[in-house]
């Protein structure tokens, strides 16, 4: 979706990084199997994290084997095999891609808008197929995206209100990765916080461009309305750091069967590293 939920590679062990890459490659192949070769272009770190999280809370381990890669056909690499976690993440990616594309169509101007119009029929076809796989979740995402559009139209100046729809959407996605009632409550909260963090990170990443083009950004409006003290970036980073603190507390409540160190790396180090990249001007370019 956005690509901000990444591991911090320097602090991953080789075996952990190989596992992460194997799931990443497995998701790439799953996107192609389920939604066609063009779906590979939507491959994202965010949904690799979702797949890993579902594998971690499931009692059944995934399977790996060495396979050729489309982008490196001469050398076989470890790859996660087709499983429910990869299928779920691929479908979730298509649902959110569709609404992200609609949002881009509303925001962008020509000639860039032509690119999104060209992609719309392909994305809509994938969205319909994903909707059939996850009908209840799609209904919730659709409802939340309509709320998001209204908030932006009304120039909502509250960061908390503006981030609510995407937070609620990811809350629904995360809740469904487990059937255990105790785990589901924690996952629901974790998804909410991750969705809020993604929205804030994207708003920070777009801050300067939104200022120049006069586009909607809740951080800009919150400062202008006098609801927050300090500079735009200071307020954004403060909100992100507070959200990460809540994410860490919630994550520690989960019972994981595997991949504890990989997921902890993403939560404790990767989120902070993504914010640092944004502040350094490498946010969009790093994805």
C-alpha atoms as a PDB file:
ATOM      1  CA  UNK A   1       0.000   0.000   0.000  1.00  0.00           C
ATOM      2  CA  UNK A   2       2.550   2.571   1.102  1.00  0.00           C
ATOM      3  CA  UNK A   3       5.697   0.573   1.841  1.00  0.00           C
ATOM      4  CA  UNK A   4       6.624   2.139   5.181  1.00  0.00           C
ATOM      5  CA  UNK A   5       6.472  -1.005   7.366  1.00  0.00           C
ATOM      6  CA  UNK A   6       9.950  -2.314   6.634  1.00  0.00           C
ATOM      7  CA  UNK A   7      12.519  -4.286   8.638  1.00  0.00           C
ATOM      8  CA  UNK A   8      15.746  -2.596   9.708  1.00  0.00           C
ATOM      9  CA  UNK A   9      18.113  -4.804   7.719  1.00  0.00           C
ATOM     10  CA  UNK A  10      21.406  -4.037   9.554  1.00  0.00           C
ATOM     11  CA  UNK A  11      19.992  -5.586  12.743  1.00  0.00           C
ATOM     12  CA  UNK A  12      18.535  -8.725  11.174  1.00  0.00           C
ATOM     13  CA  UNK A  13      20.492 -11.960  11.298  1.00  0.00           C
ATOM     14  CA  UNK A  14      21.199 -13.581   7.939  1.00  0.00           C
ATOM     15  CA  UNK A  15      18.713 -16.391   8.560  1.00  0.00           C
ATOM     16  CA  UNK A  16      16.029 -13.864   9.555  1.00  0.00           C
ATOM     17  CA  UNK A  17      16.620 -11.741   6.491  1.00  0.00           C
ATOM     18  CA  UNK A  18      16.505 -14.838   4.278  1.00  0.00           C
ATOM     19  CA  UNK A  19      13.158 -15.780   5.816  1.00  0.00           C
ATOM     20  CA  UNK A  20      11.801 -12.267   5.302  1.00  0.00           C
ATOM     21  CA  UNK A  21      12.920 -12.278   1.652  1.00  0.00           C
ATOM     22  CA  UNK A  22      11.391 -15.732   1.144  1.00  0.00           C
ATOM     23  CA  UNK A  23       7.993 -14.476   2.352  1.00  0.00           C
ATOM     24  CA  UNK A  24       8.401 -11.339   0.237  1.00  0.00           C
ATOM     25  CA  UNK A  25       9.110 -13.497  -2.832  1.00  0.00           C
ATOM     26  CA  UNK A  26       6.252 -15.828  -1.954  1.00  0.00           C
ATOM     27  CA  UNK A  27       3.844 -12.894  -1.793  1.00  0.00           C
ATOM     28  CA  UNK A  28       5.107 -11.651  -5.168  1.00  0.00           C
ATOM     29  CA  UNK A  29       4.325 -15.025  -6.754  1.00  0.00           C
ATOM     30  CA  UNK A  30       0.980 -15.233  -4.962  1.00  0.00           C
ATOM     31  CA  UNK A  31      -0.051 -11.848  -6.376  1.00  0.00           C
ATOM     32  CA  UNK A  32       0.737 -13.114  -9.859  1.00  0.00           C
ATOM     33  CA  UNK A  33      -1.114 -16.419  -9.350  1.00  0.00           C
ATOM     34  CA  UNK A  34      -4.223 -14.791  -7.924  1.00  0.00           C
ATOM     35  CA  UNK A  35      -4.447 -11.489  -9.785  1.00  0.00           C
ATOM     36  CA  UNK A  36      -2.186 -11.679 -12.836  1.00  0.00           C
ATOM     37  CA  UNK A  37       1.417 -10.661 -13.566  1.00  0.00           C
ATOM     38  CA  UNK A  38       0.739  -6.924 -13.321  1.00  0.00           C
ATOM     39  CA  UNK A  39      -0.275  -7.402  -9.679  1.00  0.00           C
ATOM     40  CA  UNK A  40       3.412  -8.002  -8.897  1.00  0.00           C
ATOM     41  CA  UNK A  41       3.929  -4.269  -9.349  1.00  0.00           C
ATOM     42  CA  UNK A  42       1.890  -3.667  -6.192  1.00  0.00           C
ATOM     43  CA  UNK A  43       4.194  -5.792  -4.025  1.00  0.00           C
ATOM     44  CA  UNK A  44       4.666  -3.986  -0.719  1.00  0.00           C
ATOM     45  CA  UNK A  45       6.566  -4.342   2.557  1.00  0.00           C
ATOM     46  CA  UNK A  46       3.318  -3.577   4.399  1.00  0.00           C
ATOM     47  CA  UNK A  47       1.595  -6.728   3.188  1.00  0.00           C
ATOM     48  CA  UNK A  48       4.721  -8.811   3.682  1.00  0.00           C
ATOM     49  CA  UNK A  49       4.456  -7.782   7.333  1.00  0.00           C
ATOM     50  CA  UNK A  50       0.775  -8.784   7.358  1.00  0.00           C
ATOM     51  CA  UNK A  51       1.628 -12.205   5.891  1.00  0.00           C
ATOM     52  CA  UNK A  52       4.428 -12.751   8.414  1.00  0.00           C
ATOM     53  CA  UNK A  53       2.141 -11.738  11.263  1.00  0.00           C
ATOM     54  CA  UNK A  54      -0.513 -14.225  10.208  1.00  0.00           C
ATOM     55  CA  UNK A  55       2.101 -16.966   9.894  1.00  0.00           C
ATOM     56  CA  UNK A  56       3.431 -16.056  13.342  1.00  0.00           C
ATOM     57  CA  UNK A  57       0.076 -16.356  15.135  1.00  0.00           C
ATOM     58  CA  UNK A  58      -0.916 -19.541  13.278  1.00  0.00           C
ATOM     59  CA  UNK A  59       0.018 -22.880  14.897  1.00  0.00           C
ATOM     60  CA  UNK A  60       0.774 -24.374  11.469  1.00  0.00           C
ATOM     61  CA  UNK A  61       4.174 -23.418  10.012  1.00  0.00           C
ATOM     62  CA  UNK A  62       4.552 -22.318   6.376  1.00  0.00           C
ATOM     63  CA  UNK A  63       6.652 -24.289   3.919  1.00  0.00           C
ATOM     64  CA  UNK A  64       9.658 -23.055   1.960  1.00  0.00           C
ATOM     65  CA  UNK A  65      11.625 -24.353  -0.989  1.00  0.00           C
ATOM     66  CA  UNK A  66      14.185 -22.973  -3.420  1.00  0.00           C
ATOM     67  CA  UNK A  67      12.727 -21.645  -6.665  1.00  0.00           C
ATOM     68  CA  UNK A  68      13.694 -19.508  -9.621  1.00  0.00           C
ATOM     69  CA  UNK A  69      12.683 -15.871  -9.518  1.00  0.00           C
ATOM     70  CA  UNK A  70      11.247 -13.888 -12.437  1.00  0.00           C
ATOM     71  CA  UNK A  71      13.751 -11.095 -11.788  1.00  0.00           C
ATOM     72  CA  UNK A  72      16.715 -13.400 -11.177  1.00  0.00           C
ATOM     73  CA  UNK A  73      15.981 -16.561 -13.214  1.00  0.00           C
ATOM     74  CA  UNK A  74      19.506 -18.012 -13.125  1.00  0.00           C
ATOM     75  CA  UNK A  75      19.682 -18.555  -9.378  1.00  0.00           C
ATOM     76  CA  UNK A  76      17.212 -20.355  -7.149  1.00  0.00           C
ATOM     77  CA  UNK A  77      16.224 -18.613  -3.930  1.00  0.00           C
ATOM     78  CA  UNK A  78      14.199 -19.663  -0.872  1.00  0.00           C
ATOM     79  CA  UNK A  79      10.516 -18.927  -1.431  1.00  0.00           C
ATOM     80  CA  UNK A  80       7.492 -19.300   0.819  1.00  0.00           C
ATOM     81  CA  UNK A  81       4.988 -21.691  -0.730  1.00  0.00           C
ATOM     82  CA  UNK A  82       1.338 -21.015  -1.455  1.00  0.00           C
ATOM     83  CA  UNK A  83      -0.627 -20.778   1.808  1.00  0.00           C
ATOM     84  CA  UNK A  84      -3.629 -19.015   3.336  1.00  0.00           C
ATOM     85  CA  UNK A  85      -1.460 -16.219   4.771  1.00  0.00           C
ATOM     86  CA  UNK A  86      -0.091 -15.257   1.352  1.00  0.00           C
ATOM     87  CA  UNK A  87      -3.553 -15.526  -0.213  1.00  0.00           C
ATOM     88  CA  UNK A  88      -5.031 -13.287   2.468  1.00  0.00           C
ATOM     89  CA  UNK A  89      -2.321 -10.632   2.139  1.00  0.00           C
ATOM     90  CA  UNK A  90      -2.590 -10.643  -1.666  1.00  0.00           C
ATOM     91  CA  UNK A  91      -6.357 -10.101  -1.505  1.00  0.00           C
ATOM     92  CA  UNK A  92      -5.987  -7.381   1.131  1.00  0.00           C
ATOM     93  CA  UNK A  93      -3.417  -5.635  -1.057  1.00  0.00           C
ATOM     94  CA  UNK A  94      -5.823  -5.553  -4.004  1.00  0.00           C
ATOM     95  CA  UNK A  95      -8.657  -4.136  -1.893  1.00  0.00           C
ATOM     96  CA  UNK A  96      -6.595  -1.275  -0.562  1.00  0.00           C
ATOM     97  CA  UNK A  97      -4.903  -0.660  -3.916  1.00  0.00           C
ATOM     98  CA  UNK A  98      -8.288  -0.001  -5.502  1.00  0.00           C
ATOM     99  CA  UNK A  99      -9.263   2.642  -2.983  1.00  0.00           C
ATOM    100  CA  UNK A 100      -5.799   4.178  -3.066  1.00  0.00           C
ATOM    101  CA  UNK A 101      -6.130   4.487  -6.837  1.00  0.00           C
ATOM    102  CA  UNK A 102      -9.524   6.190  -6.493  1.00  0.00           C
ATOM    103  CA  UNK A 103      -7.979   8.610  -4.010  1.00  0.00           C
ATOM    104  CA  UNK A 104      -5.134   9.380  -6.415  1.00  0.00           C
ATOM    105  CA  UNK A 105      -7.610  10.007  -9.216  1.00  0.00           C
ATOM    106  CA  UNK A 106      -9.409  12.544  -7.037  1.00  0.00           C
ATOM    107  CA  UNK A 107      -6.183  14.312  -6.023  1.00  0.00           C
ATOM    108  CA  UNK A 108      -4.001  14.304  -9.135  1.00  0.00           C
ATOM    109  CA  UNK A 109      -4.200  16.475 -12.237  1.00  0.00           C
ATOM    110  CA  UNK A 110      -3.408  15.738 -15.852  1.00  0.00           C
ATOM    111  CA  UNK A 111      -1.145  14.456 -17.347  1.00  0.00           C
ATOM    112  CA  UNK A 112      -0.334  12.235 -14.340  1.00  0.00           C
ATOM    113  CA  UNK A 113      -4.014  11.456 -13.946  1.00  0.00           C
ATOM    114  CA  UNK A 114      -3.963   9.621 -17.297  1.00  0.00           C
ATOM    115  CA  UNK A 115      -1.717   6.958 -15.750  1.00  0.00           C
ATOM    116  CA  UNK A 116      -4.265   6.200 -13.033  1.00  0.00           C
ATOM    117  CA  UNK A 117      -7.131   6.153 -15.538  1.00  0.00           C
ATOM    118  CA  UNK A 118      -5.200   3.647 -17.634  1.00  0.00           C
ATOM    119  CA  UNK A 119      -4.608   1.403 -14.593  1.00  0.00           C
ATOM    120  CA  UNK A 120      -8.185   1.619 -13.279  1.00  0.00           C
ATOM    121  CA  UNK A 121      -9.770  -1.215 -15.385  1.00  0.00           C
ATOM    122  CA  UNK A 122      -7.002  -3.662 -14.385  1.00  0.00           C
ATOM    123  CA  UNK A 123      -7.183  -2.693 -10.731  1.00  0.00           C
ATOM    124  CA  UNK A 124     -10.989  -2.841 -10.704  1.00  0.00           C
ATOM    125  CA  UNK A 125     -10.897  -6.397 -12.087  1.00  0.00           C
ATOM    126  CA  UNK A 126      -8.506  -7.474  -9.318  1.00  0.00           C
ATOM    127  CA  UNK A 127     -10.602  -5.644  -6.724  1.00  0.00           C
ATOM    128  CA  UNK A 128     -13.762  -7.521  -7.749  1.00  0.00           C
ATOM    129  CA  UNK A 129     -11.957 -10.843  -7.386  1.00  0.00           C
ATOM    130  CA  UNK A 130     -10.515  -9.856  -3.988  1.00  0.00           C
ATOM    131  CA  UNK A 131     -13.930  -8.632  -2.858  1.00  0.00           C
ATOM    132  CA  UNK A 132     -15.319 -12.104  -3.528  1.00  0.00           C
ATOM    133  CA  UNK A 133     -12.580 -13.545  -1.281  1.00  0.00           C
ATOM    134  CA  UNK A 134     -13.037 -11.063   1.587  1.00  0.00           C
ATOM    135  CA  UNK A 135     -16.581  -9.656   1.305  1.00  0.00           C
ATOM    136  CA  UNK A 136     -17.038  -8.519   4.916  1.00  0.00           C
ATOM    137  CA  UNK A 137     -13.659  -6.832   5.085  1.00  0.00           C
ATOM    138  CA  UNK A 138     -14.247  -5.126   1.741  1.00  0.00           C
ATOM    139  CA  UNK A 139     -17.566  -3.743   2.999  1.00  0.00           C
ATOM    140  CA  UNK A 140     -15.833  -2.277   6.046  1.00  0.00           C
ATOM    141  CA  UNK A 141     -13.017  -0.778   3.961  1.00  0.00           C
ATOM    142  CA  UNK A 142     -15.536   0.752   1.535  1.00  0.00           C
ATOM    143  CA  UNK A 143     -17.446   2.309   4.422  1.00  0.00           C
ATOM    144  CA  UNK A 144     -14.279   3.731   5.941  1.00  0.00           C
ATOM    145  CA  UNK A 145     -12.996   5.112   2.635  1.00  0.00           C
ATOM    146  CA  UNK A 146     -16.263   6.988   2.139  1.00  0.00           C
ATOM    147  CA  UNK A 147     -15.723   8.536   5.569  1.00  0.00           C
ATOM    148  CA  UNK A 148     -12.168   9.406   4.538  1.00  0.00           C
ATOM    149  CA  UNK A 149     -13.389  11.201   1.423  1.00  0.00           C
ATOM    150  CA  UNK A 150     -15.884  13.247   3.450  1.00  0.00           C
ATOM    151  CA  UNK A 151     -13.245  14.234   5.989  1.00  0.00           C
ATOM    152  CA  UNK A 152     -10.962  15.462   3.229  1.00  0.00           C
ATOM    153  CA  UNK A 153     -13.777  17.320   1.467  1.00  0.00           C
ATOM    154  CA  UNK A 154     -14.654  19.061   4.751  1.00  0.00           C
ATOM    155  CA  UNK A 155     -10.975  19.932   5.368  1.00  0.00           C
ATOM    156  CA  UNK A 156     -10.845  18.122   8.700  1.00  0.00           C
ATOM    157  CA  UNK A 157      -8.101  19.740  10.811  1.00  0.00           C
ATOM    158  CA  UNK A 158      -7.897  16.953  13.408  1.00  0.00           C
ATOM    159  CA  UNK A 159      -5.125  14.425  12.795  1.00  0.00           C
ATOM    160  CA  UNK A 160      -6.913  11.921  15.042  1.00  0.00           C
ATOM    161  CA  UNK A 161     -10.156  12.135  13.046  1.00  0.00           C
ATOM    162  CA  UNK A 162      -8.381  12.137   9.670  1.00  0.00           C
ATOM    163  CA  UNK A 163      -6.440   8.959  10.483  1.00  0.00           C
ATOM    164  CA  UNK A 164      -9.490   7.111  11.843  1.00  0.00           C
ATOM    165  CA  UNK A 165     -10.768   5.537   8.569  1.00  0.00           C
ATOM    166  CA  UNK A 166      -7.488   3.906   7.490  1.00  0.00           C
ATOM    167  CA  UNK A 167      -6.881   2.850  11.113  1.00  0.00           C
ATOM    168  CA  UNK A 168     -10.299   1.188  11.254  1.00  0.00           C
ATOM    169  CA  UNK A 169      -9.687  -0.500   7.881  1.00  0.00           C
ATOM    170  CA  UNK A 170      -6.428  -2.086   9.022  1.00  0.00           C
ATOM    171  CA  UNK A 171      -8.039  -2.998  12.318  1.00  0.00           C
ATOM    172  CA  UNK A 172     -10.521  -5.151  10.377  1.00  0.00           C
ATOM    173  CA  UNK A 173      -7.720  -6.678   8.287  1.00  0.00           C
ATOM    174  CA  UNK A 174      -5.515  -7.565  11.265  1.00  0.00           C
ATOM    175  CA  UNK A 175      -8.382  -8.931  13.355  1.00  0.00           C
ATOM    176  CA  UNK A 176      -9.130 -11.583  10.756  1.00  0.00           C
ATOM    177  CA  UNK A 177      -5.646 -13.147  10.681  1.00  0.00           C
ATOM    178  CA  UNK A 178      -6.498 -15.284  13.736  1.00  0.00           C
ATOM    179  CA  UNK A 179      -9.539 -17.211  14.928  1.00  0.00           C
ATOM    180  CA  UNK A 180      -8.510 -17.086  18.591  1.00  0.00           C
ATOM    181  CA  UNK A 181     -10.745 -14.591  20.427  1.00  0.00           C
ATOM    182  CA  UNK A 182      -7.982 -13.326  22.721  1.00  0.00           C
ATOM    183  CA  UNK A 183      -5.546 -12.879  19.880  1.00  0.00           C
ATOM    184  CA  UNK A 184      -8.172 -11.165  17.730  1.00  0.00           C
ATOM    185  CA  UNK A 185      -8.712  -8.408  20.291  1.00  0.00           C
ATOM    186  CA  UNK A 186      -4.992  -7.665  20.407  1.00  0.00           C
ATOM    187  CA  UNK A 187      -4.647  -7.882  16.628  1.00  0.00           C
ATOM    188  CA  UNK A 188      -7.594  -5.538  16.181  1.00  0.00           C
ATOM    189  CA  UNK A 189      -5.876  -2.920  18.328  1.00  0.00           C
ATOM    190  CA  UNK A 190      -2.517  -3.517  16.660  1.00  0.00           C
ATOM    191  CA  UNK A 191      -4.063  -3.071  13.217  1.00  0.00           C
ATOM    192  CA  UNK A 192      -5.741   0.147  14.309  1.00  0.00           C
ATOM    193  CA  UNK A 193      -2.461   1.598  15.549  1.00  0.00           C
ATOM    194  CA  UNK A 194      -0.517   0.436  12.493  1.00  0.00           C
ATOM    195  CA  UNK A 195      -3.132   2.005  10.230  1.00  0.00           C
ATOM    196  CA  UNK A 196      -2.901   5.273  12.139  1.00  0.00           C
ATOM    197  CA  UNK A 197       0.895   5.180  11.940  1.00  0.00           C
ATOM    198  CA  UNK A 198       0.840   4.529   8.170  1.00  0.00           C
ATOM    199  CA  UNK A 199      -1.543   7.438   7.608  1.00  0.00           C
ATOM    200  CA  UNK A 200       0.615   9.803   9.685  1.00  0.00           C
ATOM    201  CA  UNK A 201       3.821   8.629   8.008  1.00  0.00           C
ATOM    202  CA  UNK A 202       2.316   9.210   4.565  1.00  0.00           C
ATOM    203  CA  UNK A 203       1.064  12.659   5.601  1.00  0.00           C
ATOM    204  CA  UNK A 204       4.567  13.536   6.834  1.00  0.00           C
ATOM    205  CA  UNK A 205       6.111  12.185   3.631  1.00  0.00           C
ATOM    206  CA  UNK A 206       3.765  14.334   1.508  1.00  0.00           C
ATOM    207  CA  UNK A 207       3.989  17.422   3.718  1.00  0.00           C
ATOM    208  CA  UNK A 208       6.165  19.642   1.537  1.00  0.00           C
ATOM    209  CA  UNK A 209       4.489  18.616  -1.725  1.00  0.00           C
ATOM    210  CA  UNK A 210       1.024  19.152  -0.226  1.00  0.00           C
ATOM    211  CA  UNK A 211       2.051  22.619   0.945  1.00  0.00           C
ATOM    212  CA  UNK A 212       3.276  23.559  -2.523  1.00  0.00           C
ATOM    213  CA  UNK A 213       0.236  22.197  -4.356  1.00  0.00           C
ATOM    214  CA  UNK A 214      -2.347  23.243  -1.776  1.00  0.00           C
ATOM    215  CA  UNK A 215      -3.532  19.670  -1.233  1.00  0.00           C
ATOM    216  CA  UNK A 216      -5.224  18.326   1.863  1.00  0.00           C
ATOM    217  CA  UNK A 217      -2.939  17.404   4.741  1.00  0.00           C
ATOM    218  CA  UNK A 218      -4.219  17.238   8.338  1.00  0.00           C
ATOM    219  CA  UNK A 219      -0.895  18.367   9.833  1.00  0.00           C
ATOM    220  CA  UNK A 220      -1.014  21.613   7.859  1.00  0.00           C
ATOM    221  CA  UNK A 221      -4.616  22.329   8.837  1.00  0.00           C
ATOM    222  CA  UNK A 222      -4.053  21.402  12.490  1.00  0.00           C
ATOM    223  CA  UNK A 223      -1.216  23.913  12.803  1.00  0.00           C
ATOM    224  CA  UNK A 224      -3.197  26.591  10.948  1.00  0.00           C
ATOM    225  CA  UNK A 225      -6.170  26.017  13.248  1.00  0.00           C
ATOM    226  CA  UNK A 226      -3.942  26.541  16.275  1.00  0.00           C
ATOM    227  CA  UNK A 227      -4.632  23.080  17.647  1.00  0.00           C
ATOM    228  CA  UNK A 228      -0.976  22.089  17.877  1.00  0.00           C
ATOM    229  CA  UNK A 229       2.231  23.738  18.982  1.00  0.00           C
ATOM    230  CA  UNK A 230       5.568  23.646  17.174  1.00  0.00           C
ATOM    231  CA  UNK A 231       6.493  23.206  13.539  1.00  0.00           C
ATOM    232  CA  UNK A 232       4.686  20.939  11.112  1.00  0.00           C
ATOM    233  CA  UNK A 233       7.403  18.271  11.118  1.00  0.00           C
ATOM    234  CA  UNK A 234       7.867  18.417  14.900  1.00  0.00           C
ATOM    235  CA  UNK A 235       4.150  17.815  15.432  1.00  0.00           C
ATOM    236  CA  UNK A 236       4.104  15.003  12.880  1.00  0.00           C
ATOM    237  CA  UNK A 237       7.105  13.209  14.401  1.00  0.00           C
ATOM    238  CA  UNK A 238       5.644  13.598  17.909  1.00  0.00           C
ATOM    239  CA  UNK A 239       2.383  11.964  16.793  1.00  0.00           C
ATOM    240  CA  UNK A 240       4.269   9.152  15.063  1.00  0.00           C
ATOM    241  CA  UNK A 241       6.487   8.452  18.078  1.00  0.00           C
ATOM    242  CA  UNK A 242       3.511   8.332  20.445  1.00  0.00           C
ATOM    243  CA  UNK A 243       1.775   5.875  18.118  1.00  0.00           C
ATOM    244  CA  UNK A 244       4.875   3.656  17.937  1.00  0.00           C
ATOM    245  CA  UNK A 245       4.931   3.514  21.737  1.00  0.00           C
ATOM    246  CA  UNK A 246       1.371   2.175  21.727  1.00  0.00           C
ATOM    247  CA  UNK A 247       2.202  -0.266  18.911  1.00  0.00           C
ATOM    248  CA  UNK A 248       5.074  -1.750  20.924  1.00  0.00           C
ATOM    249  CA  UNK A 249       2.898  -2.215  24.021  1.00  0.00           C
ATOM    250  CA  UNK A 250       0.169  -3.905  21.992  1.00  0.00           C
ATOM    251  CA  UNK A 251       2.560  -6.119  20.027  1.00  0.00           C
ATOM    252  CA  UNK A 252       4.032  -7.487  23.250  1.00  0.00           C
ATOM    253  CA  UNK A 253       0.590  -8.864  24.203  1.00  0.00           C
ATOM    254  CA  UNK A 254       0.528 -11.247  21.227  1.00  0.00           C
ATOM    255  CA  UNK A 255       1.349 -14.942  21.502  1.00  0.00           C
ATOM    256  CA  UNK A 256       3.620 -15.787  18.559  1.00  0.00           C
ATOM    257  CA  UNK A 257       4.616 -19.271  17.404  1.00  0.00           C
ATOM    258  CA  UNK A 258       7.488 -18.041  15.201  1.00  0.00           C
ATOM    259  CA  UNK A 259       9.172 -14.982  13.654  1.00  0.00           C
ATOM    260  CA  UNK A 260       9.242 -13.079  16.960  1.00  0.00           C
ATOM    261  CA  UNK A 261      12.636 -11.517  16.179  1.00  0.00           C
ATOM    262  CA  UNK A 262      11.729 -10.468  12.635  1.00  0.00           C
ATOM    263  CA  UNK A 263       8.476  -8.826  13.667  1.00  0.00           C
ATOM    264  CA  UNK A 264      10.134  -7.181  16.684  1.00  0.00           C
ATOM    265  CA  UNK A 265      12.780  -5.764  14.366  1.00  0.00           C
ATOM    266  CA  UNK A 266      10.086  -4.170  12.207  1.00  0.00           C
ATOM    267  CA  UNK A 267       8.183  -2.771  15.204  1.00  0.00           C
ATOM    268  CA  UNK A 268      11.078  -1.547  17.339  1.00  0.00           C
ATOM    269  CA  UNK A 269      13.559  -0.469  14.662  1.00  0.00           C
ATOM    270  CA  UNK A 270      11.974  -0.477  11.224  1.00  0.00           C
ATOM    271  CA  UNK A 271       9.229   2.054  11.962  1.00  0.00           C
ATOM    272  CA  UNK A 272      11.721   4.533  13.383  1.00  0.00           C
ATOM    273  CA  UNK A 273      14.053   3.993  10.411  1.00  0.00           C
ATOM    274  CA  UNK A 274      11.189   4.753   8.005  1.00  0.00           C
ATOM    275  CA  UNK A 275      10.507   8.060   9.764  1.00  0.00           C
ATOM    276  CA  UNK A 276      14.200   8.920   9.589  1.00  0.00           C
ATOM    277  CA  UNK A 277      14.185   8.223   5.837  1.00  0.00           C
ATOM    278  CA  UNK A 278      11.197  10.507   5.400  1.00  0.00           C
ATOM    279  CA  UNK A 279      12.876  13.293   7.357  1.00  0.00           C
ATOM    280  CA  UNK A 280      16.000  12.823   5.241  1.00  0.00           C
ATOM    281  CA  UNK A 281      13.914  13.209   2.074  1.00  0.00           C
ATOM    282  CA  UNK A 282      14.098   9.540   1.026  1.00  0.00           C
ATOM    283  CA  UNK A 283      10.591   8.420   1.988  1.00  0.00           C
ATOM    284  CA  UNK A 284       8.964   7.964  -1.410  1.00  0.00           C
ATOM    285  CA  UNK A 285      12.242   7.171  -3.135  1.00  0.00           C
ATOM    286  CA  UNK A 286      13.027   4.299  -0.768  1.00  0.00           C
ATOM    287  CA  UNK A 287       9.916   2.298  -1.804  1.00  0.00           C
END
